PDB file of N, CA and C in Angstrom:
ATOM      1  N   MET A   1      21.753  -5.955   5.276  1.00  0.00           N
ATOM      2  CA  MET A   1      22.766  -4.739   5.186  1.00  0.00           C
ATOM      3  C   MET A   1      23.475  -4.149   6.326  1.00  0.00           C
ATOM      4  N   LEU A   2      24.702  -3.373   5.784  1.00  0.00           N
ATOM      5  CA  LEU A   2      26.096  -3.021   7.599  1.00  0.00           C
ATOM      6  C   LEU A   2      25.464  -2.032   7.698  1.00  0.00           C
ATOM      7  N   GLY A   3      26.299  -1.400   8.420  1.00  0.00           N
ATOM      8  CA  GLY A   3      25.451  -0.047   9.534  1.00  0.00           C
ATOM      9  C   GLY A   3      26.547   0.995   8.544  1.00  0.00           C
ATOM     10  N   GLY A   4      25.614   1.983   8.629  1.00  0.00           N
ATOM     11  CA  GLY A   4      26.907   3.449   8.199  1.00  0.00           C
ATOM     12  C   GLY A   4      26.333   3.227   6.816  1.00  0.00           C
ATOM     13  N   GLY A   5      25.555   2.999   5.777  1.00  0.00           N
ATOM     14  CA  GLY A   5      25.656   3.732   5.142  1.00  0.00           C
ATOM     15  C   GLY A   5      26.179   2.554   3.824  1.00  0.00           C
ATOM     16  N   GLN A   6      26.959   1.810   4.166  1.00  0.00           N
ATOM     17  CA  GLN A   6      27.999   0.938   3.226  1.00  0.00           C
ATOM     18  C   GLN A   6      27.579  -0.238   2.389  1.00  0.00           C
ATOM     19  N   GLY A   7      26.327  -0.318   2.672  1.00  0.00           N
ATOM     20  CA  GLY A   7      25.739  -1.620   2.065  1.00  0.00           C
ATOM     21  C   GLY A   7      26.967  -2.958   1.926  1.00  0.00           C
ATOM     22  N   MET A   8      26.224  -3.915   0.606  1.00  0.00           N
ATOM     23  CA  MET A   8      26.657  -5.053   0.988  1.00  0.00           C
ATOM     24  C   MET A   8      28.397  -4.776   0.313  1.00  0.00           C
ATOM     25  N   ASP A   9      29.429  -6.287   0.289  1.00  0.00           N
ATOM     26  CA  ASP A   9      30.351  -5.858  -0.499  1.00  0.00           C
ATOM     27  C   ASP A   9      30.641  -7.552  -1.562  1.00  0.00           C
ATOM     28  N   ARG A  10      29.297  -7.414  -3.249  1.00  0.00           N
ATOM     29  CA  ARG A  10      29.209  -8.268  -3.768  1.00  0.00           C
ATOM     30  C   ARG A  10      30.151  -8.709  -4.141  1.00  0.00           C
ATOM     31  N   ASN A  11      31.665  -9.106  -3.620  1.00  0.00           N
ATOM     32  CA  ASN A  11      32.716  -9.290  -3.746  1.00  0.00           C
ATOM     33  C   ASN A  11      32.865 -10.620  -2.908  1.00  0.00           C
ATOM     34  N   ASN A  12      31.602 -10.802  -1.814  1.00  0.00           N
ATOM     35  CA  ASN A  12      32.443 -11.498  -0.706  1.00  0.00           C
ATOM     36  C   ASN A  12      32.008 -12.573  -0.615  1.00  0.00           C
ATOM     37  N   PRO A  13      32.162 -13.952  -0.390  1.00  0.00           N
ATOM     38  CA  PRO A  13      31.772 -15.359  -1.289  1.00  0.00           C
ATOM     39  C   PRO A  13      30.752 -15.692  -0.446  1.00  0.00           C
ATOM     40  N   GLU A  14      30.208 -14.972   1.242  1.00  0.00           N
ATOM     41  CA  GLU A  14      28.578 -15.302   1.700  1.00  0.00           C
ATOM     42  C   GLU A  14      28.290 -14.695   0.937  1.00  0.00           C
ATOM     43  N   VAL A  15      27.844 -12.908   0.710  1.00  0.00           N
ATOM     44  CA  VAL A  15      27.333 -12.714   0.307  1.00  0.00           C
ATOM     45  C   VAL A  15      26.325 -12.708  -1.359  1.00  0.00           C
ATOM     46  N   ILE A  16      27.860 -13.526  -1.364  1.00  0.00           N
ATOM     47  CA  ILE A  16      27.288 -14.053  -2.658  1.00  0.00           C
ATOM     48  C   ILE A  16      26.575 -15.197  -3.005  1.00  0.00           C
ATOM     49  N   HIS A  17      26.900 -16.029  -1.851  1.00  0.00           N
ATOM     50  CA  HIS A  17      26.322 -16.902  -1.746  1.00  0.00           C
ATOM     51  C   HIS A  17      25.131 -17.115  -0.976  1.00  0.00           C
ATOM     52  N   LEU A  18      24.778 -15.967   0.143  1.00  0.00           N
ATOM     53  CA  LEU A  18      23.029 -15.499   0.077  1.00  0.00           C
ATOM     54  C   LEU A  18      22.218 -14.937  -0.630  1.00  0.00           C
ATOM     55  N   MET A  19      23.183 -14.117  -1.384  1.00  0.00           N
ATOM     56  CA  MET A  19      22.496 -13.953  -3.172  1.00  0.00           C
ATOM     57  C   MET A  19      21.296 -14.735  -3.502  1.00  0.00           C
ATOM     58  N   ASP A  20      22.526 -15.953  -3.848  1.00  0.00           N
ATOM     59  CA  ASP A  20      22.420 -16.452  -4.520  1.00  0.00           C
ATOM     60  C   ASP A  20      21.126 -17.259  -4.231  1.00  0.00           C
ATOM     61  N   GLU A  21      21.216 -18.071  -2.875  1.00  0.00           N
ATOM     62  CA  GLU A  21      19.920 -18.588  -2.143  1.00  0.00           C
ATOM     63  C   GLU A  21      18.537 -17.366  -2.114  1.00  0.00           C
ATOM     64  N   GLN A  22      18.741 -16.659  -1.840  1.00  0.00           N
ATOM     65  CA  GLN A  22      17.630 -15.225  -1.781  1.00  0.00           C
ATOM     66  C   GLN A  22      16.837 -15.410  -3.866  1.00  0.00           C
ATOM     67  N   LYS A  23      17.411 -15.994  -4.731  1.00  0.00           N
ATOM     68  CA  LYS A  23      16.527 -15.707  -5.750  1.00  0.00           C
ATOM     69  C   LYS A  23      17.055 -17.427  -6.577  1.00  0.00           C
ATOM     70  N   GLU A  24      17.260 -18.955  -5.661  1.00  0.00           N
ATOM     71  CA  GLU A  24      16.259 -19.353  -5.380  1.00  0.00           C
ATOM     72  C   GLU A  24      15.487 -20.242  -4.923  1.00  0.00           C
ATOM     73  N   ILE A  25      15.070 -19.064  -3.506  1.00  0.00           N
ATOM     74  CA  ILE A  25      13.853 -19.014  -3.097  1.00  0.00           C
ATOM     75  C   ILE A  25      12.957 -17.842  -3.827  1.00  0.00           C
ATOM     76  N   THR A  26      13.208 -16.771  -4.274  1.00  0.00           N
ATOM     77  CA  THR A  26      12.207 -16.194  -5.357  1.00  0.00           C
ATOM     78  C   THR A  26      11.508 -16.827  -6.691  1.00  0.00           C
ATOM     79  N   ASN A  27      12.658 -17.565  -7.514  1.00  0.00           N
ATOM     80  CA  ASN A  27      11.874 -18.622  -8.307  1.00  0.00           C
ATOM     81  C   ASN A  27      11.223 -19.573  -8.001  1.00  0.00           C
ATOM     82  N   SER A  28      11.775 -20.173  -6.380  1.00  0.00           N
ATOM     83  CA  SER A  28      10.381 -21.365  -5.991  1.00  0.00           C
ATOM     84  C   SER A  28       9.429 -21.053  -5.222  1.00  0.00           C
ATOM     85  N   MET A  29       8.974 -20.054  -5.645  1.00  0.00           N
ATOM     86  CA  MET A  29       8.049 -19.332  -4.896  1.00  0.00           C
ATOM     87  C   MET A  29       6.774 -19.040  -5.880  1.00  0.00           C
ATOM     88  N   GLY A  30       8.089 -17.884  -6.705  1.00  0.00           N
ATOM     89  CA  GLY A  30       7.079 -18.024  -8.125  1.00  0.00           C
ATOM     90  C   GLY A  30       6.456 -18.938  -9.107  1.00  0.00           C
ATOM     91  N   GLN A  31       7.333 -20.133  -8.740  1.00  0.00           N
ATOM     92  CA  GLN A  31       6.609 -21.493  -9.589  1.00  0.00           C
ATOM     93  C   GLN A  31       5.533 -21.894  -8.978  1.00  0.00           C
ATOM     94  N   LEU A  32       5.552 -21.321  -7.111  1.00  0.00           N
ATOM     95  CA  LEU A  32       4.566 -22.577  -6.123  1.00  0.00           C
ATOM     96  C   LEU A  32       3.114 -21.731  -6.206  1.00  0.00           C
ATOM     97  N   LEU A  33       2.807 -19.707  -6.690  1.00  0.00           N
ATOM     98  CA  LEU A  33       2.255 -19.344  -6.805  1.00  0.00           C
ATOM     99  C   LEU A  33       1.376 -19.384  -8.521  1.00  0.00           C
ATOM    100  N   GLY A  34       2.603 -19.963  -9.628  1.00  0.00           N
ATOM    101  CA  GLY A  34       1.942 -19.995 -10.907  1.00  0.00           C
ATOM    102  C   GLY A  34       0.974 -21.812 -11.369  1.00  0.00           C
ATOM    103  N   GLU A  35       1.486 -22.302 -10.261  1.00  0.00           N
ATOM    104  CA  GLU A  35       1.095 -23.748 -10.272  1.00  0.00           C
ATOM    105  C   GLU A  35      -0.342 -23.647  -9.335  1.00  0.00           C
ATOM    106  N   GLU A  36      -0.373 -23.005  -8.826  1.00  0.00           N
ATOM    107  CA  GLU A  36      -1.448 -22.916  -8.036  1.00  0.00           C
ATOM    108  C   GLU A  36      -2.622 -21.566  -8.484  1.00  0.00           C
ATOM    109  N   VAL A  37      -2.562 -20.267  -9.462  1.00  0.00           N
ATOM    110  CA  VAL A  37      -3.871 -20.029 -10.200  1.00  0.00           C
ATOM    111  C   VAL A  37      -3.735 -20.803 -11.299  1.00  0.00           C
ATOM    112  N   LEU A  38      -3.074 -22.138 -12.093  1.00  0.00           N
ATOM    113  CA  LEU A  38      -3.438 -22.365 -12.684  1.00  0.00           C
ATOM    114  C   LEU A  38      -3.686 -23.303 -11.739  1.00  0.00           C
ATOM    115  N   ARG A  39      -4.147 -24.384 -10.835  1.00  0.00           N
ATOM    116  CA  ARG A  39      -5.135 -25.626 -10.176  1.00  0.00           C
ATOM    117  C   ARG A  39      -6.217 -24.502 -10.018  1.00  0.00           C
ATOM    118  N   LEU A  40      -6.649 -22.655  -9.539  1.00  0.00           N
ATOM    119  CA  LEU A  40      -7.488 -22.150  -9.293  1.00  0.00           C
ATOM    120  C   LEU A  40      -8.480 -22.441 -10.578  1.00  0.00           C
ATOM    121  N   MET A  41      -7.703 -21.751 -11.961  1.00  0.00           N
ATOM    122  CA  MET A  41      -8.020 -21.566 -12.798  1.00  0.00           C
ATOM    123  C   MET A  41      -8.286 -22.860 -13.639  1.00  0.00           C
ATOM    124  N   ARG A  42      -8.010 -23.944 -13.270  1.00  0.00           N
ATOM    125  CA  ARG A  42      -8.875 -25.932 -13.743  1.00  0.00           C
ATOM    126  C   ARG A  42     -10.178 -25.285 -12.793  1.00  0.00           C
ATOM    127  N   GLU A  43      -9.961 -25.504 -11.280  1.00  0.00           N
ATOM    128  CA  GLU A  43     -11.180 -26.003 -11.070  1.00  0.00           C
ATOM    129  C   GLU A  43     -12.292 -24.710 -11.166  1.00  0.00           C
ATOM    130  N   ALA A  44     -12.134 -23.310 -11.667  1.00  0.00           N
ATOM    131  CA  ALA A  44     -12.729 -22.536 -11.331  1.00  0.00           C
ATOM    132  C   ALA A  44     -14.356 -22.916 -11.885  1.00  0.00           C
ATOM    133  N   LYS A  45     -15.077 -22.409 -11.588  1.00  0.00           N
ATOM    134  CA  LYS A  45     -16.590 -23.051 -11.825  1.00  0.00           C
ATOM    135  C   LYS A  45     -17.294 -21.767 -12.866  1.00  0.00           C
ATOM    136  N   ASN A  46     -17.922 -21.993 -14.056  1.00  0.00           N
ATOM    137  CA  ASN A  46     -17.703 -20.325 -14.366  1.00  0.00           C
ATOM    138  C   ASN A  46     -18.593 -19.253 -13.455  1.00  0.00           C
ATOM    139  N   ALA A  47     -18.143 -18.277 -13.455  1.00  0.00           N
ATOM    140  CA  ALA A  47     -19.920 -17.557 -13.089  1.00  0.00           C
ATOM    141  C   ALA A  47     -20.781 -16.717 -13.559  1.00  0.00           C
ATOM    142  N   GLU A  48     -21.840 -16.404 -12.770  1.00  0.00           N
ATOM    143  CA  GLU A  48     -22.885 -15.956 -13.273  1.00  0.00           C
ATOM    144  C   GLU A  48     -22.703 -14.662 -14.093  1.00  0.00           C
ATOM    145  N   ALA A  49     -23.384 -14.901 -14.823  1.00  0.00           N
ATOM    146  CA  ALA A  49     -23.314 -13.737 -16.090  1.00  0.00           C
ATOM    147  C   ALA A  49     -24.362 -12.530 -15.517  1.00  0.00           C
ATOM    148  N   ASP A  50     -25.301 -11.773 -15.121  1.00  0.00           N
ATOM    149  CA  ASP A  50     -25.851 -11.035 -14.320  1.00  0.00           C
ATOM    150  C   ASP A  50     -25.399 -10.742 -12.695  1.00  0.00           C
ATOM    151  N   GLY A  51     -23.777 -10.662 -12.527  1.00  0.00           N
ATOM    152  CA  GLY A  51     -23.605  -9.961 -12.011  1.00  0.00           C
ATOM    153  C   GLY A  51     -23.063  -8.960 -12.412  1.00  0.00           C
ATOM    154  N   ARG A  52     -23.376  -7.466 -11.326  1.00  0.00           N
ATOM    155  CA  ARG A  52     -23.043  -6.264 -11.264  1.00  0.00           C
ATOM    156  C   ARG A  52     -21.398  -6.029 -10.724  1.00  0.00           C
ATOM    157  N   ILE A  53     -21.780  -5.097 -11.438  1.00  0.00           N
ATOM    158  CA  ILE A  53     -20.123  -3.792 -11.056  1.00  0.00           C
ATOM    159  C   ILE A  53     -20.442  -2.390 -11.111  1.00  0.00           C
ATOM    160  N   LEU A  54     -19.790  -1.985 -10.036  1.00  0.00           N
ATOM    161  CA  LEU A  54     -20.923  -0.258  -9.380  1.00  0.00           C
ATOM    162  C   LEU A  54     -18.589   0.622  -9.880  1.00  0.00           C
ATOM    163  N   GLY A  55     -19.060   2.395  -9.713  1.00  0.00           N
ATOM    164  CA  GLY A  55     -18.441   2.021 -10.068  1.00  0.00           C
ATOM    165  C   GLY A  55     -18.648   4.322  -9.112  1.00  0.00           C
ATOM    166  N   LYS A  56     -17.596   4.591  -8.208  1.00  0.00           N
ATOM    167  CA  LYS A  56     -17.948   5.962  -8.098  1.00  0.00           C
ATOM    168  C   LYS A  56     -16.468   6.726  -7.116  1.00  0.00           C
ATOM    169  N   VAL A  57     -16.370   7.842  -7.580  1.00  0.00           N
ATOM    170  CA  VAL A  57     -15.662   8.667  -7.296  1.00  0.00           C
ATOM    171  C   VAL A  57     -15.903  10.334  -6.668  1.00  0.00           C
ATOM    172  N   GLN A  58     -14.793  10.564  -5.662  1.00  0.00           N
ATOM    173  CA  GLN A  58     -16.073  11.874  -5.388  1.00  0.00           C
ATOM    174  C   GLN A  58     -14.608  12.424  -4.739  1.00  0.00           C
ATOM    175  N   THR A  59     -14.869  14.245  -4.614  1.00  0.00           N
ATOM    176  CA  THR A  59     -13.100  14.348  -4.042  1.00  0.00           C
ATOM    177  C   THR A  59     -14.291  15.700  -2.757  1.00  0.00           C
ATOM    178  N   ILE A  60     -13.592  14.878  -2.105  1.00  0.00           N
ATOM    179  CA  ILE A  60     -13.733  16.047  -0.365  1.00  0.00           C
ATOM    180  C   ILE A  60     -13.042  17.130  -0.743  1.00  0.00           C
ATOM    181  N   THR A  61     -13.597  18.144   0.467  1.00  0.00           N
ATOM    182  CA  THR A  61     -12.499  18.683   1.342  1.00  0.00           C
ATOM    183  C   THR A  61     -12.479  18.900   2.658  1.00  0.00           C
ATOM    184  N   CYS A  62     -11.427  18.822   2.745  1.00  0.00           N
ATOM    185  CA  CYS A  62     -11.481  18.872   4.896  1.00  0.00           C
ATOM    186  C   CYS A  62     -10.736  19.920   4.741  1.00  0.00           C
ATOM    187  N   PRO A  63      -9.986  20.794   6.211  1.00  0.00           N
ATOM    188  CA  PRO A  63     -10.387  21.853   6.675  1.00  0.00           C
ATOM    189  C   PRO A  63      -8.187  21.116   6.660  1.00  0.00           C
ATOM    190  N   GLY A  64      -7.630  22.324   6.575  1.00  0.00           N
ATOM    191  CA  GLY A  64      -6.617  21.987   5.912  1.00  0.00           C
ATOM    192  C   GLY A  64      -5.431  22.411   7.165  1.00  0.00           C
ATOM    193  N   ARG A  65      -3.835  22.451   7.707  1.00  0.00           N
ATOM    194  CA  ARG A  65      -3.021  23.395   8.507  1.00  0.00           C
ATOM    195  C   ARG A  65      -1.669  23.138   8.483  1.00  0.00           C
ATOM    196  N   GLU A  66      -1.180  23.897   8.728  1.00  0.00           N
ATOM    197  CA  GLU A  66       0.157  24.265   8.796  1.00  0.00           C
ATOM    198  C   GLU A  66       0.790  24.083  10.552  1.00  0.00           C
ATOM    199  N   ARG A  67       2.020  23.086   9.694  1.00  0.00           N
ATOM    200  CA  ARG A  67       3.144  23.307  10.677  1.00  0.00           C
ATOM    201  C   ARG A  67       3.521  24.727  11.758  1.00  0.00           C
ATOM    202  N   ILE A  68       3.793  24.691  12.375  1.00  0.00           N
ATOM    203  CA  ILE A  68       4.258  26.367  12.866  1.00  0.00           C
ATOM    204  C   ILE A  68       5.378  25.922  13.492  1.00  0.00           C
ATOM    205  N   ASN A  69       5.942  24.938  14.389  1.00  0.00           N
ATOM    206  CA  ASN A  69       6.868  24.974  14.483  1.00  0.00           C
ATOM    207  C   ASN A  69       8.484  24.019  13.786  1.00  0.00           C
ATOM    208  N   GLU A  70       8.829  23.643  12.262  1.00  0.00           N
ATOM    209  CA  GLU A  70       9.146  22.416  12.001  1.00  0.00           C
ATOM    210  C   GLU A  70      10.564  21.859  12.848  1.00  0.00           C
ATOM    211  N   GLY A  71      10.548  20.831  12.426  1.00  0.00           N
ATOM    212  CA  GLY A  71      11.413  20.131  13.472  1.00  0.00           C
ATOM    213  C   GLY A  71      11.105  19.366  14.713  1.00  0.00           C
ATOM    214  N   GLN A  72       9.828  20.427  15.251  1.00  0.00           N
ATOM    215  CA  GLN A  72       9.184  19.726  16.825  1.00  0.00           C
ATOM    216  C   GLN A  72       7.975  18.898  15.956  1.00  0.00           C
ATOM    217  N   GLY A  73       6.893  18.391  16.753  1.00  0.00           N
ATOM    218  CA  GLY A  73       5.914  17.663  16.680  1.00  0.00           C
ATOM    219  C   GLY A  73       6.632  16.342  16.227  1.00  0.00           C
ATOM    220  N   ARG A  74       7.632  15.482  16.890  1.00  0.00           N
ATOM    221  CA  ARG A  74       7.395  14.028  15.583  1.00  0.00           C
ATOM    222  C   ARG A  74       8.240  13.886  17.379  1.00  0.00           C
ATOM    223  N   ALA A  75       8.442  12.303  17.456  1.00  0.00           N
ATOM    224  CA  ALA A  75       8.355  11.108  18.355  1.00  0.00           C
ATOM    225  C   ALA A  75       8.310  11.822  19.662  1.00  0.00           C
ATOM    226  N   GLY A  76       7.035  12.149  19.851  1.00  0.00           N
ATOM    227  CA  GLY A  76       5.867  12.093  20.451  1.00  0.00           C
ATOM    228  C   GLY A  76       5.810  13.165  21.694  1.00  0.00           C
ATOM    229  N   ILE A  77       6.672  14.478  20.159  1.00  0.00           N
ATOM    230  CA  ILE A  77       6.795  15.876  20.635  1.00  0.00           C
ATOM    231  C   ILE A  77       5.583  16.331  20.257  1.00  0.00           C
ATOM    232  N   THR A  78       4.085  17.306  21.169  1.00  0.00           N
ATOM    233  CA  THR A  78       3.112  17.320  20.043  1.00  0.00           C
ATOM    234  C   THR A  78       3.641  19.034  19.417  1.00  0.00           C
ATOM    235  N   GLY A  79       3.313  18.923  17.694  1.00  0.00           N
ATOM    236  CA  GLY A  79       3.138  20.330  17.315  1.00  0.00           C
ATOM    237  C   GLY A  79       2.384  21.104  17.088  1.00  0.00           C
ATOM    238  N   THR A  80       3.273  22.555  16.571  1.00  0.00           N
ATOM    239  CA  THR A  80       1.891  23.574  17.093  1.00  0.00           C
ATOM    240  C   THR A  80       1.485  23.733  15.817  1.00  0.00           C
ATOM    241  N   TYR A  81      -0.016  24.261  15.381  1.00  0.00           N
ATOM    242  CA  TYR A  81      -0.255  24.218  13.834  1.00  0.00           C
ATOM    243  C   TYR A  81      -1.373  25.420  14.053  1.00  0.00           C
ATOM    244  N   LYS A  82      -1.363  25.593  12.612  1.00  0.00           N
ATOM    245  CA  LYS A  82      -2.533  27.174  12.179  1.00  0.00           C
ATOM    246  C   LYS A  82      -3.171  26.176  11.401  1.00  0.00           C
ATOM    247  N   ASP A  83      -4.756  27.029  11.261  1.00  0.00           N
ATOM    248  CA  ASP A  83      -4.629  26.448   9.540  1.00  0.00           C
ATOM    249  C   ASP A  83      -4.209  26.573   9.235  1.00  0.00           C
ATOM    250  N   GLY A  84      -4.849  25.803   7.564  1.00  0.00           N
ATOM    251  CA  GLY A  84      -4.234  26.055   6.494  1.00  0.00           C
ATOM    252  C   GLY A  84      -4.616  26.401   4.784  1.00  0.00           C
ATOM    253  N   SER A  85      -4.968  26.155   4.364  1.00  0.00           N
ATOM    254  CA  SER A  85      -5.530  25.831   3.361  1.00  0.00           C
ATOM    255  C   SER A  85      -6.801  24.389   3.260  1.00  0.00           C
ATOM    256  N   PRO A  86      -7.771  24.242   2.610  1.00  0.00           N
ATOM    257  CA  PRO A  86      -8.446  23.461   2.238  1.00  0.00           C
ATOM    258  C   PRO A  86      -7.217  22.260   1.480  1.00  0.00           C
ATOM    259  N   VAL A  87      -7.822  21.000   2.360  1.00  0.00           N
ATOM    260  CA  VAL A  87      -7.335  19.984   1.722  1.00  0.00           C
ATOM    261  C   VAL A  87      -7.931  18.947   0.708  1.00  0.00           C
ATOM    262  N   GLU A  88      -7.725  18.418  -0.836  1.00  0.00           N
ATOM    263  CA  GLU A  88      -8.916  17.556  -1.365  1.00  0.00           C
ATOM    264  C   GLU A  88      -8.894  16.484  -1.076  1.00  0.00           C
ATOM    265  N   ILE A  89      -9.050  15.937  -1.131  1.00  0.00           N
ATOM    266  CA  ILE A  89      -9.351  13.710  -0.791  1.00  0.00           C
ATOM    267  C   ILE A  89      -9.990  13.473  -2.353  1.00  0.00           C
ATOM    268  N   LYS A  90      -9.338  12.989  -2.882  1.00  0.00           N
ATOM    269  CA  LYS A  90     -10.796  12.511  -3.851  1.00  0.00           C
ATOM    270  C   LYS A  90     -10.478  10.595  -3.193  1.00  0.00           C
ATOM    271  N   LEU A  91     -11.849  10.294  -3.407  1.00  0.00           N
ATOM    272  CA  LEU A  91     -12.650   8.933  -2.822  1.00  0.00           C
ATOM    273  C   LEU A  91     -12.786   8.475  -4.019  1.00  0.00           C
ATOM    274  N   GLY A  92     -12.878   6.958  -3.660  1.00  0.00           N
ATOM    275  CA  GLY A  92     -12.489   5.812  -4.312  1.00  0.00           C
ATOM    276  C   GLY A  92     -13.680   4.757  -4.284  1.00  0.00           C
ATOM    277  N   LEU A  93     -14.879   4.246  -5.154  1.00  0.00           N
ATOM    278  CA  LEU A  93     -16.146   3.157  -4.708  1.00  0.00           C
ATOM    279  C   LEU A  93     -15.397   1.914  -6.000  1.00  0.00           C
ATOM    280  N   LEU A  94     -15.033   0.480  -5.811  1.00  0.00           N
ATOM    281  CA  LEU A  94     -15.224   0.253  -6.491  1.00  0.00           C
ATOM    282  C   LEU A  94     -16.321  -1.392  -6.085  1.00  0.00           C
ATOM    283  N   MET A  95     -17.446  -1.232  -6.345  1.00  0.00           N
ATOM    284  CA  MET A  95     -18.576  -2.854  -5.854  1.00  0.00           C
ATOM    285  C   MET A  95     -18.199  -3.331  -6.579  1.00  0.00           C
ATOM    286  N   ILE A  96     -17.755  -5.073  -6.489  1.00  0.00           N
ATOM    287  CA  ILE A  96     -18.198  -6.032  -7.149  1.00  0.00           C
ATOM    288  C   ILE A  96     -19.269  -7.290  -6.558  1.00  0.00           C
ATOM    289  N   ASP A  97     -20.253  -7.224  -7.112  1.00  0.00           N
ATOM    290  CA  ASP A  97     -21.766  -8.054  -6.533  1.00  0.00           C
ATOM    291  C   ASP A  97     -21.198  -7.731  -5.377  1.00  0.00           C
ATOM    292  N   ASP A  98     -21.591  -8.181  -4.152  1.00  0.00           N
ATOM    293  CA  ASP A  98     -20.999  -7.674  -3.096  1.00  0.00           C
ATOM    294  C   ASP A  98     -19.839  -7.326  -1.284  1.00  0.00           C
ATOM    295  N   ILE A  99     -19.210  -6.764  -2.628  1.00  0.00           N
ATOM    296  CA  ILE A  99     -17.669  -6.936  -2.516  1.00  0.00           C
ATOM    297  C   ILE A  99     -17.333  -5.495  -2.883  1.00  0.00           C
ATOM    298  N   ALA A 100     -16.782  -4.760  -2.002  1.00  0.00           N
ATOM    299  CA  ALA A 100     -16.306  -3.142  -2.142  1.00  0.00           C
ATOM    300  C   ALA A 100     -15.302  -3.114  -2.110  1.00  0.00           C
ATOM    301  N   ILE A 101     -14.619  -2.253  -3.165  1.00  0.00           N
ATOM    302  CA  ILE A 101     -12.631  -1.618  -2.943  1.00  0.00           C
ATOM    303  C   ILE A 101     -12.932   0.024  -2.767  1.00  0.00           C
ATOM    304  N   GLY A 102     -12.434   0.347  -1.367  1.00  0.00           N
ATOM    305  CA  GLY A 102     -12.103   1.138  -1.412  1.00  0.00           C
ATOM    306  C   GLY A 102     -10.823   2.000  -1.730  1.00  0.00           C
ATOM    307  N   THR A 103     -10.928   3.729  -2.471  1.00  0.00           N
ATOM    308  CA  THR A 103      -9.640   4.198  -2.483  1.00  0.00           C
ATOM    309  C   THR A 103      -9.483   5.789  -1.973  1.00  0.00           C
ATOM    310  N   VAL A 104      -8.703   5.738  -1.523  1.00  0.00           N
ATOM    311  CA  VAL A 104      -7.524   7.560  -1.472  1.00  0.00           C
ATOM    312  C   VAL A 104      -6.716   7.215  -1.585  1.00  0.00           C
ATOM    313  N   ASN A 105      -6.751   8.561  -1.709  1.00  0.00           N
ATOM    314  CA  ASN A 105      -5.915   9.011  -2.448  1.00  0.00           C
ATOM    315  C   ASN A 105      -4.323   9.815  -1.256  1.00  0.00           C
ATOM    316  N   ALA A 106      -5.042   9.815  -0.181  1.00  0.00           N
ATOM    317  CA  ALA A 106      -4.037  10.569   1.000  1.00  0.00           C
ATOM    318  C   ALA A 106      -3.234   9.669   1.801  1.00  0.00           C
ATOM    319  N   GLU A 107      -3.401  10.307   3.195  1.00  0.00           N
ATOM    320  CA  GLU A 107      -2.301   9.232   3.451  1.00  0.00           C
ATOM    321  C   GLU A 107      -3.030   9.432   4.872  1.00  0.00           C
ATOM    322  N   VAL A 108      -4.435   8.819   5.631  1.00  0.00           N
ATOM    323  CA  VAL A 108      -5.678   9.147   6.504  1.00  0.00           C
ATOM    324  C   VAL A 108      -5.406   8.586   7.923  1.00  0.00           C
ATOM    325  N   TYR A 109      -4.983   9.480   8.454  1.00  0.00           N
ATOM    326  CA  TYR A 109      -5.327  10.097   9.713  1.00  0.00           C
ATOM    327  C   TYR A 109      -6.287   9.963  10.845  1.00  0.00           C
ATOM    328  N   ASN A 110      -6.179   9.058  12.050  1.00  0.00           N
ATOM    329  CA  ASN A 110      -7.450   8.910  12.971  1.00  0.00           C
ATOM    330  C   ASN A 110      -8.717  10.136  12.557  1.00  0.00           C
ATOM    331  N   LEU A 111      -8.450  11.210  12.863  1.00  0.00           N
ATOM    332  CA  LEU A 111      -9.190  12.267  12.573  1.00  0.00           C
ATOM    333  C   LEU A 111      -9.633  12.542  11.483  1.00  0.00           C
ATOM    334  N   ILE A 112      -8.861  12.949  10.359  1.00  0.00           N
ATOM    335  CA  ILE A 112      -9.725  12.730   8.796  1.00  0.00           C
ATOM    336  C   ILE A 112     -10.246  10.857   8.471  1.00  0.00           C
ATOM    337  N   ALA A 113     -10.192  10.251   9.258  1.00  0.00           N
ATOM    338  CA  ALA A 113     -11.328   8.564   8.640  1.00  0.00           C
ATOM    339  C   ALA A 113     -12.264   9.197   9.073  1.00  0.00           C
ATOM    340  N   GLN A 114     -11.965   9.893  10.428  1.00  0.00           N
ATOM    341  CA  GLN A 114     -13.481   9.563  11.295  1.00  0.00           C
ATOM    342  C   GLN A 114     -14.514  10.348  10.575  1.00  0.00           C
ATOM    343  N   ARG A 115     -13.585  12.165   9.712  1.00  0.00           N
ATOM    344  CA  ARG A 115     -14.627  12.478   9.343  1.00  0.00           C
ATOM    345  C   ARG A 115     -14.790  12.439   7.862  1.00  0.00           C
TER     346      ARG A 115
END
C-alpha cells in the first residue's frame, strides 16, 4: 500500500505481477493444506466411542466505568474515569475429553481477566 491512503495502481505492470504471484502462492498453500488434510484422514485411527463432550455458558457482571476526559488516556497518558453501569460478559466453556476451549464475548484486559 502506498502512503496517504492512495492505494495501489492496479494498472501498474509491477503491481499486476505482484498480485498474480500472491494468487499463485495462495493457491499453492491451499493445495498443500488440502493434501495434508487428506493424509491425516487416511491415517487417522478410529476414535473411542465413550468420549465426553460438555458445554456451559454463563453471564457474569463486572463493575463498569466511563471515561470523563475524552480524547485523553491514550499513548501512555492515563485516562480519568468514573463509576459506570455494570458490564455483562458472557463466558463459555466446551470440554472435549480433557481439552478445554474457552470463550468470552469481550476484550478482556488484565484486571478484568484476573477477576
